[in-house]
């Protein structure tokens, strides 16, 4: 039986390790060709002279995120708002609003926000939840130097705590949806995170996540890297 199990795992790994695939989500594939299409669309919209503000990893991230948030949204019977404005998201990622990347990015964020607003049942934040938030804030120099975790957790305002609880509930639901799908991401694009609570770095103006769902890092079924 052990031999049969080993062969089954080996077969699964081989089936989900094609170099032309950037990520697997259940039976679906995000191919390198698909990633290139989004890249080429952004490149053409910017023109050859302008620097690209996104990477291929950003593209894989948004493609995986858009797929998974769609599945979560179906649980809550919510859809992308019909009046969604792409201009503000275009400004954030520094790409024209007509590009596919901006549309994917905006739709993900709109669904993420709408789903969060529909979540009515949350639980208290765990110590690990707060530690993750604390570490992410510290890494982005968002706290006073020398701030300890104990000092931080005692100063989180009630309204922020409520928002964090909703974000953590969404993060956990993303994992509930993603885990059975055996999401597998090419090592060159790992780690993939679905951001569910982002704030802006006051120095760099970049958006970073203080609550996020990491997916696709299962080393037992790796996608082969190709350089």
C-alpha atoms as a PDB file:
ATOM      1  CA  UNK A   1       0.000   0.000   0.000  1.00  0.00           C
ATOM      2  CA  UNK A   2       2.874   2.371   0.777  1.00  0.00           C
ATOM      3  CA  UNK A   3       4.285   1.799  -2.719  1.00  0.00           C
ATOM      4  CA  UNK A   4       0.902   2.553  -4.292  1.00  0.00           C
ATOM      5  CA  UNK A   5       0.574   5.734  -2.220  1.00  0.00           C
ATOM      6  CA  UNK A   6       4.069   6.839  -3.229  1.00  0.00           C
ATOM      7  CA  UNK A   7       3.286   6.281  -6.887  1.00  0.00           C
ATOM      8  CA  UNK A   8       0.056   8.245  -6.537  1.00  0.00           C
ATOM      9  CA  UNK A   9       1.859  11.215  -4.997  1.00  0.00           C
ATOM     10  CA  UNK A  10       4.570  11.047  -7.651  1.00  0.00           C
ATOM     11  CA  UNK A  11       1.927  10.997 -10.368  1.00  0.00           C
ATOM     12  CA  UNK A  12       0.132  13.973  -8.857  1.00  0.00           C
ATOM     13  CA  UNK A  13       3.390  15.917  -8.679  1.00  0.00           C
ATOM     14  CA  UNK A  14       4.225  15.141 -12.292  1.00  0.00           C
ATOM     15  CA  UNK A  15       0.748  16.146 -13.468  1.00  0.00           C
ATOM     16  CA  UNK A  16       1.034  19.523 -11.753  1.00  0.00           C
ATOM     17  CA  UNK A  17       4.580  20.432 -12.727  1.00  0.00           C
ATOM     18  CA  UNK A  18       4.407  21.428 -16.388  1.00  0.00           C
ATOM     19  CA  UNK A  19       6.901  24.238 -17.067  1.00  0.00           C
ATOM     20  CA  UNK A  20       4.409  26.028 -19.336  1.00  0.00           C
ATOM     21  CA  UNK A  21       1.972  26.398 -16.417  1.00  0.00           C
ATOM     22  CA  UNK A  22       2.323  29.262 -13.942  1.00  0.00           C
ATOM     23  CA  UNK A  23      -0.302  27.948 -11.525  1.00  0.00           C
ATOM     24  CA  UNK A  24      -2.912  25.243 -11.045  1.00  0.00           C
ATOM     25  CA  UNK A  25      -6.257  25.892  -9.352  1.00  0.00           C
ATOM     26  CA  UNK A  26      -8.131  22.625  -9.114  1.00  0.00           C
ATOM     27  CA  UNK A  27      -8.543  21.403 -12.691  1.00  0.00           C
ATOM     28  CA  UNK A  28      -7.846  24.872 -14.097  1.00  0.00           C
ATOM     29  CA  UNK A  29      -4.480  26.133 -15.290  1.00  0.00           C
ATOM     30  CA  UNK A  30      -2.995  29.581 -15.543  1.00  0.00           C
ATOM     31  CA  UNK A  31      -0.477  29.180 -18.333  1.00  0.00           C
ATOM     32  CA  UNK A  32       2.657  31.170 -19.003  1.00  0.00           C
ATOM     33  CA  UNK A  33       0.977  32.167 -22.268  1.00  0.00           C
ATOM     34  CA  UNK A  34      -1.890  33.712 -20.288  1.00  0.00           C
ATOM     35  CA  UNK A  35       0.570  35.593 -18.094  1.00  0.00           C
ATOM     36  CA  UNK A  36       2.352  36.848 -21.217  1.00  0.00           C
ATOM     37  CA  UNK A  37      -0.949  38.103 -22.675  1.00  0.00           C
ATOM     38  CA  UNK A  38      -1.578  40.294 -19.637  1.00  0.00           C
ATOM     39  CA  UNK A  39       2.045  41.473 -19.714  1.00  0.00           C
ATOM     40  CA  UNK A  40       1.934  42.315 -23.431  1.00  0.00           C
ATOM     41  CA  UNK A  41      -1.347  44.188 -22.984  1.00  0.00           C
ATOM     42  CA  UNK A  42       0.191  46.367 -20.256  1.00  0.00           C
ATOM     43  CA  UNK A  43       3.393  46.865 -22.235  1.00  0.00           C
ATOM     44  CA  UNK A  44       1.483  47.993 -25.326  1.00  0.00           C
ATOM     45  CA  UNK A  45      -0.655  50.408 -23.313  1.00  0.00           C
ATOM     46  CA  UNK A  46       2.394  52.006 -21.690  1.00  0.00           C
ATOM     47  CA  UNK A  47       4.609  52.156 -24.735  1.00  0.00           C
ATOM     48  CA  UNK A  48       8.089  50.724 -25.050  1.00  0.00           C
ATOM     49  CA  UNK A  49       9.899  53.597 -23.335  1.00  0.00           C
ATOM     50  CA  UNK A  50       8.024  53.590 -20.023  1.00  0.00           C
ATOM     51  CA  UNK A  51       9.222  51.323 -17.191  1.00  0.00           C
ATOM     52  CA  UNK A  52       6.844  48.500 -16.271  1.00  0.00           C
ATOM     53  CA  UNK A  53       5.315  49.125 -12.835  1.00  0.00           C
ATOM     54  CA  UNK A  54       4.301  45.465 -12.440  1.00  0.00           C
ATOM     55  CA  UNK A  55       6.102  42.128 -12.584  1.00  0.00           C
ATOM     56  CA  UNK A  56       5.092  38.725 -13.910  1.00  0.00           C
ATOM     57  CA  UNK A  57       4.667  37.667 -10.282  1.00  0.00           C
ATOM     58  CA  UNK A  58       2.121  40.476  -9.839  1.00  0.00           C
ATOM     59  CA  UNK A  59       0.233  39.124 -12.848  1.00  0.00           C
ATOM     60  CA  UNK A  60       0.177  35.548 -11.546  1.00  0.00           C
ATOM     61  CA  UNK A  61      -0.908  36.874  -8.165  1.00  0.00           C
ATOM     62  CA  UNK A  62      -3.848  38.810  -9.592  1.00  0.00           C
ATOM     63  CA  UNK A  63      -4.930  35.918 -11.843  1.00  0.00           C
ATOM     64  CA  UNK A  64      -4.913  33.460  -8.933  1.00  0.00           C
ATOM     65  CA  UNK A  65      -6.549  36.001  -6.620  1.00  0.00           C
ATOM     66  CA  UNK A  66      -9.312  36.826  -9.102  1.00  0.00           C
ATOM     67  CA  UNK A  67     -10.162  33.142  -9.555  1.00  0.00           C
ATOM     68  CA  UNK A  68     -10.291  32.378  -5.838  1.00  0.00           C
ATOM     69  CA  UNK A  69     -12.196  35.499  -4.819  1.00  0.00           C
ATOM     70  CA  UNK A  70     -14.788  34.639  -7.478  1.00  0.00           C
ATOM     71  CA  UNK A  71     -15.336  31.301  -5.770  1.00  0.00           C
ATOM     72  CA  UNK A  72     -15.659  32.951  -2.362  1.00  0.00           C
ATOM     73  CA  UNK A  73     -18.020  35.589  -3.783  1.00  0.00           C
ATOM     74  CA  UNK A  74     -20.318  32.858  -5.106  1.00  0.00           C
ATOM     75  CA  UNK A  75     -20.767  31.654  -1.524  1.00  0.00           C
ATOM     76  CA  UNK A  76     -22.039  35.091  -0.594  1.00  0.00           C
ATOM     77  CA  UNK A  77     -24.044  35.719  -3.784  1.00  0.00           C
ATOM     78  CA  UNK A  78     -22.117  38.902  -4.569  1.00  0.00           C
ATOM     79  CA  UNK A  79     -20.812  40.144  -7.908  1.00  0.00           C
ATOM     80  CA  UNK A  80     -18.512  42.840  -9.237  1.00  0.00           C
ATOM     81  CA  UNK A  81     -20.403  46.161  -8.923  1.00  0.00           C
ATOM     82  CA  UNK A  82     -21.773  47.293 -12.275  1.00  0.00           C
ATOM     83  CA  UNK A  83     -20.579  50.863 -11.655  1.00  0.00           C
ATOM     84  CA  UNK A  84     -17.016  49.930 -10.685  1.00  0.00           C
ATOM     85  CA  UNK A  85     -14.594  52.737 -11.569  1.00  0.00           C
ATOM     86  CA  UNK A  86     -11.206  51.588 -12.792  1.00  0.00           C
ATOM     87  CA  UNK A  87      -9.492  54.978 -12.738  1.00  0.00           C
ATOM     88  CA  UNK A  88      -8.555  54.994  -9.037  1.00  0.00           C
ATOM     89  CA  UNK A  89      -7.073  51.511  -9.317  1.00  0.00           C
ATOM     90  CA  UNK A  90      -5.190  52.534 -12.452  1.00  0.00           C
ATOM     91  CA  UNK A  91      -3.569  55.328 -10.468  1.00  0.00           C
ATOM     92  CA  UNK A  92      -2.560  52.887  -7.718  1.00  0.00           C
ATOM     93  CA  UNK A  93      -0.782  50.459 -10.050  1.00  0.00           C
ATOM     94  CA  UNK A  94       0.363  53.163 -12.501  1.00  0.00           C
ATOM     95  CA  UNK A  95      -1.156  51.544 -15.576  1.00  0.00           C
ATOM     96  CA  UNK A  96      -3.885  52.771 -17.949  1.00  0.00           C
ATOM     97  CA  UNK A  97      -7.412  51.956 -16.785  1.00  0.00           C
ATOM     98  CA  UNK A  98      -8.073  50.064 -20.013  1.00  0.00           C
ATOM     99  CA  UNK A  99      -5.451  47.385 -19.348  1.00  0.00           C
ATOM    100  CA  UNK A 100      -6.501  43.889 -18.371  1.00  0.00           C
ATOM    101  CA  UNK A 101      -4.243  43.958 -15.322  1.00  0.00           C
ATOM    102  CA  UNK A 102      -6.049  46.997 -13.919  1.00  0.00           C
ATOM    103  CA  UNK A 103      -9.428  45.399 -14.592  1.00  0.00           C
ATOM    104  CA  UNK A 104      -8.432  42.174 -12.829  1.00  0.00           C
ATOM    105  CA  UNK A 105      -6.891  44.092  -9.926  1.00  0.00           C
ATOM    106  CA  UNK A 106      -9.919  46.368  -9.537  1.00  0.00           C
ATOM    107  CA  UNK A 107     -12.423  43.521  -9.778  1.00  0.00           C
ATOM    108  CA  UNK A 108     -10.533  41.512  -7.175  1.00  0.00           C
ATOM    109  CA  UNK A 109     -10.492  44.437  -4.759  1.00  0.00           C
ATOM    110  CA  UNK A 110     -14.160  45.232  -5.366  1.00  0.00           C
ATOM    111  CA  UNK A 111     -15.206  41.634  -4.730  1.00  0.00           C
ATOM    112  CA  UNK A 112     -12.959  41.380  -1.694  1.00  0.00           C
ATOM    113  CA  UNK A 113     -14.527  44.514  -0.194  1.00  0.00           C
ATOM    114  CA  UNK A 114     -18.091  43.453  -1.037  1.00  0.00           C
ATOM    115  CA  UNK A 115     -17.610  39.988   0.438  1.00  0.00           C
ATOM    116  CA  UNK A 116     -16.097  41.464   3.597  1.00  0.00           C
ATOM    117  CA  UNK A 117     -19.104  43.742   3.997  1.00  0.00           C
ATOM    118  CA  UNK A 118     -21.406  40.725   3.753  1.00  0.00           C
ATOM    119  CA  UNK A 119     -19.636  38.828   6.537  1.00  0.00           C
ATOM    120  CA  UNK A 120     -21.777  39.079   9.658  1.00  0.00           C
ATOM    121  CA  UNK A 121     -20.273  36.340  11.807  1.00  0.00           C
ATOM    122  CA  UNK A 122     -16.744  36.854  13.083  1.00  0.00           C
ATOM    123  CA  UNK A 123     -14.698  35.526  15.973  1.00  0.00           C
ATOM    124  CA  UNK A 124     -12.210  37.152  18.295  1.00  0.00           C
ATOM    125  CA  UNK A 125      -8.726  37.691  16.907  1.00  0.00           C
ATOM    126  CA  UNK A 126      -6.241  35.101  18.081  1.00  0.00           C
ATOM    127  CA  UNK A 127      -2.774  35.857  19.379  1.00  0.00           C
ATOM    128  CA  UNK A 128      -1.359  34.548  16.094  1.00  0.00           C
ATOM    129  CA  UNK A 129      -3.674  36.812  14.076  1.00  0.00           C
ATOM    130  CA  UNK A 130      -2.461  39.871  15.956  1.00  0.00           C
ATOM    131  CA  UNK A 131       1.180  38.787  15.775  1.00  0.00           C
ATOM    132  CA  UNK A 132       0.927  38.501  11.998  1.00  0.00           C
ATOM    133  CA  UNK A 133      -0.537  42.008  11.784  1.00  0.00           C
ATOM    134  CA  UNK A 134       2.142  43.334  14.148  1.00  0.00           C
ATOM    135  CA  UNK A 135       4.970  41.766  12.138  1.00  0.00           C
ATOM    136  CA  UNK A 136       3.640  43.133   8.858  1.00  0.00           C
ATOM    137  CA  UNK A 137       3.280  46.628  10.305  1.00  0.00           C
ATOM    138  CA  UNK A 138       6.767  46.458  11.798  1.00  0.00           C
ATOM    139  CA  UNK A 139       8.255  45.314   8.487  1.00  0.00           C
ATOM    140  CA  UNK A 140       6.781  48.409   6.838  1.00  0.00           C
ATOM    141  CA  UNK A 141       7.974  50.818   9.557  1.00  0.00           C
ATOM    142  CA  UNK A 142       4.370  51.645  10.465  1.00  0.00           C
ATOM    143  CA  UNK A 143       4.946  51.495  14.228  1.00  0.00           C
ATOM    144  CA  UNK A 144       7.075  53.593  16.516  1.00  0.00           C
ATOM    145  CA  UNK A 145      10.596  52.132  16.831  1.00  0.00           C
ATOM    146  CA  UNK A 146      10.831  49.826  19.819  1.00  0.00           C
ATOM    147  CA  UNK A 147       7.100  49.077  19.978  1.00  0.00           C
ATOM    148  CA  UNK A 148       6.596  45.643  21.510  1.00  0.00           C
ATOM    149  CA  UNK A 149       3.847  43.210  20.595  1.00  0.00           C
ATOM    150  CA  UNK A 150       2.318  43.474  24.072  1.00  0.00           C
ATOM    151  CA  UNK A 151       2.172  47.247  23.783  1.00  0.00           C
ATOM    152  CA  UNK A 152       0.721  47.048  20.274  1.00  0.00           C
ATOM    153  CA  UNK A 153      -2.084  44.594  20.985  1.00  0.00           C
ATOM    154  CA  UNK A 154      -3.370  46.729  23.828  1.00  0.00           C
ATOM    155  CA  UNK A 155      -3.766  49.811  21.642  1.00  0.00           C
ATOM    156  CA  UNK A 156      -5.716  48.482  18.635  1.00  0.00           C
ATOM    157  CA  UNK A 157      -8.911  50.604  18.434  1.00  0.00           C
ATOM    158  CA  UNK A 158     -12.287  48.858  18.559  1.00  0.00           C
ATOM    159  CA  UNK A 159     -13.238  49.891  15.006  1.00  0.00           C
ATOM    160  CA  UNK A 160      -9.935  48.595  13.633  1.00  0.00           C
ATOM    161  CA  UNK A 161     -10.388  45.361  15.578  1.00  0.00           C
ATOM    162  CA  UNK A 162     -13.792  44.920  13.934  1.00  0.00           C
ATOM    163  CA  UNK A 163     -12.292  45.457  10.473  1.00  0.00           C
ATOM    164  CA  UNK A 164      -9.471  43.029  11.243  1.00  0.00           C
ATOM    165  CA  UNK A 165     -11.963  40.399  12.394  1.00  0.00           C
ATOM    166  CA  UNK A 166     -13.826  40.653   9.077  1.00  0.00           C
ATOM    167  CA  UNK A 167     -10.543  40.477   7.158  1.00  0.00           C
ATOM    168  CA  UNK A 168      -9.400  37.411   9.092  1.00  0.00           C
ATOM    169  CA  UNK A 169     -12.784  35.757   8.505  1.00  0.00           C
ATOM    170  CA  UNK A 170     -12.358  36.351   4.771  1.00  0.00           C
ATOM    171  CA  UNK A 171      -8.771  35.096   4.865  1.00  0.00           C
ATOM    172  CA  UNK A 172      -9.930  31.901   6.551  1.00  0.00           C
ATOM    173  CA  UNK A 173     -12.696  31.461   3.992  1.00  0.00           C
ATOM    174  CA  UNK A 174     -10.194  31.847   1.151  1.00  0.00           C
ATOM    175  CA  UNK A 175      -8.227  28.976   2.681  1.00  0.00           C
ATOM    176  CA  UNK A 176     -11.418  26.902   2.964  1.00  0.00           C
ATOM    177  CA  UNK A 177     -11.999  27.394  -0.760  1.00  0.00           C
ATOM    178  CA  UNK A 178      -8.372  27.064  -1.858  1.00  0.00           C
ATOM    179  CA  UNK A 179      -7.247  24.042   0.167  1.00  0.00           C
ATOM    180  CA  UNK A 180      -9.411  21.407  -1.597  1.00  0.00           C
ATOM    181  CA  UNK A 181      -8.308  22.820  -4.968  1.00  0.00           C
ATOM    182  CA  UNK A 182      -4.645  22.017  -4.249  1.00  0.00           C
ATOM    183  CA  UNK A 183      -3.537  25.401  -5.572  1.00  0.00           C
ATOM    184  CA  UNK A 184      -0.013  24.959  -6.905  1.00  0.00           C
ATOM    185  CA  UNK A 185       2.202  27.825  -8.046  1.00  0.00           C
ATOM    186  CA  UNK A 186       5.457  27.740  -9.978  1.00  0.00           C
ATOM    187  CA  UNK A 187       8.281  28.411  -7.467  1.00  0.00           C
ATOM    188  CA  UNK A 188       9.422  31.446  -9.453  1.00  0.00           C
ATOM    189  CA  UNK A 189       6.133  33.165  -8.549  1.00  0.00           C
ATOM    190  CA  UNK A 190       5.906  32.184  -4.888  1.00  0.00           C
ATOM    191  CA  UNK A 191       4.771  33.330  -2.435  1.00  0.00           C
ATOM    192  CA  UNK A 192       1.292  34.204  -3.710  1.00  0.00           C
ATOM    193  CA  UNK A 193      -0.853  36.185  -1.295  1.00  0.00           C
ATOM    194  CA  UNK A 194      -4.465  37.267  -1.576  1.00  0.00           C
ATOM    195  CA  UNK A 195      -4.542  40.591   0.184  1.00  0.00           C
ATOM    196  CA  UNK A 196      -7.623  41.168   2.324  1.00  0.00           C
ATOM    197  CA  UNK A 197      -6.587  44.210   4.386  1.00  0.00           C
ATOM    198  CA  UNK A 198      -4.212  46.609   2.695  1.00  0.00           C
ATOM    199  CA  UNK A 199      -2.890  49.955   3.869  1.00  0.00           C
ATOM    200  CA  UNK A 200      -0.550  52.468   2.298  1.00  0.00           C
ATOM    201  CA  UNK A 201       3.068  52.886   3.306  1.00  0.00           C
ATOM    202  CA  UNK A 202       3.357  56.576   4.157  1.00  0.00           C
ATOM    203  CA  UNK A 203       6.946  56.758   2.922  1.00  0.00           C
ATOM    204  CA  UNK A 204       6.834  54.749  -0.314  1.00  0.00           C
ATOM    205  CA  UNK A 205       3.073  55.160  -0.983  1.00  0.00           C
ATOM    206  CA  UNK A 206       2.970  51.452  -1.864  1.00  0.00           C
ATOM    207  CA  UNK A 207       0.048  49.325  -0.670  1.00  0.00           C
ATOM    208  CA  UNK A 208       0.999  46.480   1.651  1.00  0.00           C
ATOM    209  CA  UNK A 209      -1.135  43.839   3.325  1.00  0.00           C
ATOM    210  CA  UNK A 210      -1.572  43.395   7.065  1.00  0.00           C
ATOM    211  CA  UNK A 211      -3.978  40.476   6.577  1.00  0.00           C
ATOM    212  CA  UNK A 212      -3.477  38.099   3.658  1.00  0.00           C
ATOM    213  CA  UNK A 213      -4.104  34.502   2.607  1.00  0.00           C
ATOM    214  CA  UNK A 214      -0.983  32.772   1.316  1.00  0.00           C
ATOM    215  CA  UNK A 215      -1.701  30.044  -1.229  1.00  0.00           C
ATOM    216  CA  UNK A 216       0.122  27.834  -3.695  1.00  0.00           C
ATOM    217  CA  UNK A 217       3.210  27.072  -1.638  1.00  0.00           C
ATOM    218  CA  UNK A 218       2.674  23.310  -1.187  1.00  0.00           C
ATOM    219  CA  UNK A 219       6.100  21.842  -1.811  1.00  0.00           C
ATOM    220  CA  UNK A 220       4.661  18.307  -2.027  1.00  0.00           C
ATOM    221  CA  UNK A 221       3.244  19.031  -5.478  1.00  0.00           C
ATOM    222  CA  UNK A 222       5.642  21.601  -6.961  1.00  0.00           C
ATOM    223  CA  UNK A 223       5.411  23.224 -10.355  1.00  0.00           C
ATOM    224  CA  UNK A 224       8.806  23.009 -12.020  1.00  0.00           C
ATOM    225  CA  UNK A 225      10.716  26.241 -12.341  1.00  0.00           C
ATOM    226  CA  UNK A 226      12.246  27.071 -15.685  1.00  0.00           C
ATOM    227  CA  UNK A 227      14.725  29.862 -16.190  1.00  0.00           C
END
